[in-house]
Protein backbone atom coordinates (compact mmCIF):
# COMPACT_ATOMS: atom_id res chain seq x y z
CA MET A 1 30.16 9.14 -98.08
CA LEU A 2 31.24 8.45 -94.51
CA LYS A 3 29.23 9.20 -91.42
CA VAL A 4 31.06 9.85 -88.16
CA ASN A 5 29.29 9.29 -84.84
CA ASP A 6 30.53 9.66 -81.32
CA GLY A 7 30.66 6.33 -79.60
CA THR A 8 31.96 4.31 -76.72
CA VAL A 9 34.59 1.57 -76.76
CA ILE A 10 34.12 -0.98 -74.00
CA GLU A 11 36.98 -3.43 -73.59
CA GLY A 12 37.37 -6.32 -71.20
CA ILE A 13 36.37 -9.87 -70.35
CA PHE A 14 32.63 -9.14 -69.87
CA ASP A 15 32.21 -11.40 -66.86
CA ASP A 16 29.43 -9.27 -65.33
CA ASP A 17 26.58 -7.13 -66.67
CA LYS A 18 28.02 -3.66 -66.00
CA TYR A 19 28.45 -3.12 -69.76
CA ILE A 20 24.68 -3.13 -70.33
CA ASP A 21 24.13 0.35 -68.84
CA LEU A 22 27.20 1.65 -70.68
CA VAL A 23 25.79 0.48 -74.00
CA LYS A 24 22.31 1.80 -73.12
CA ASN A 25 23.72 5.26 -72.39
CA SER A 26 25.88 5.50 -75.50
CA ASN A 27 24.94 6.55 -79.02
CA PHE A 28 26.89 3.56 -80.35
CA SER A 29 29.28 1.10 -78.70
CA THR A 30 32.08 -1.17 -79.78
CA LEU A 31 32.56 -4.08 -77.39
CA ILE A 32 36.06 -5.57 -77.54
CA ILE A 33 36.16 -8.94 -75.82
CA HIS A 34 39.37 -10.41 -74.44
CA ILE A 35 38.72 -14.13 -74.78
CA ASP A 36 40.22 -17.21 -76.36
CA ILE A 37 38.99 -17.71 -79.93
CA LYS A 38 37.39 -21.06 -79.06
CA ASP A 39 35.10 -19.34 -76.53
CA PHE A 40 34.34 -16.24 -78.60
CA ASP A 41 31.12 -17.43 -80.29
CA ASP A 42 29.53 -18.54 -77.01
CA LYS A 43 30.45 -15.23 -75.34
CA CYS A 44 28.98 -13.28 -78.27
CA VAL A 45 25.69 -15.17 -77.96
CA GLU A 46 25.66 -14.46 -74.22
CA ILE A 47 26.26 -10.73 -74.73
CA VAL A 48 23.84 -10.33 -77.66
CA THR A 49 21.14 -12.13 -75.67
CA ALA A 50 21.66 -9.98 -72.56
CA LEU A 51 21.57 -6.77 -74.58
CA ALA A 52 18.52 -7.87 -76.61
CA GLU A 53 16.66 -8.55 -73.36
CA ASN A 54 17.30 -4.87 -72.57
CA GLY A 55 16.03 -3.63 -75.93
CA ILE A 56 19.49 -3.03 -77.37
CA GLN A 57 20.00 -4.18 -80.96
CA TYR A 58 23.20 -5.49 -82.55
CA ALA A 59 24.54 -3.32 -85.41
CA ASP A 60 22.11 -0.48 -84.64
CA ASP A 61 23.38 0.15 -81.11
CA TYR A 62 26.68 -1.77 -80.90
CA VAL A 63 29.10 -4.19 -82.55
CA ILE A 64 31.38 -6.84 -81.07
CA ALA A 65 35.03 -7.56 -81.81
CA ARG A 66 37.65 -9.85 -80.31
CA ALA A 67 41.00 -8.55 -79.08
CA ARG A 68 44.03 -10.27 -80.63
CA LYS A 69 46.14 -10.14 -77.50
CA GLU A 70 45.40 -11.51 -74.08
CA TYR A 71 43.77 -9.18 -71.61
CA ALA A 72 45.76 -7.99 -68.63
CA SER A 73 43.32 -6.88 -65.94
């Protein structure tokens, strides 16, 4: 059985904390980070920590993915 929820896709370089309110106000979010693979783990820790400090839990409220292509702002 599949369950379909409405959600928000947030895509970018996540160099500020504007995404926190977006995730807070969404039923579920997918965060797509445009970053070099070597920096991906550190960025994930940074984002998970910031969201946890705001009471937002990974997998219950959002997930994180990395974009394959470079981000064009």
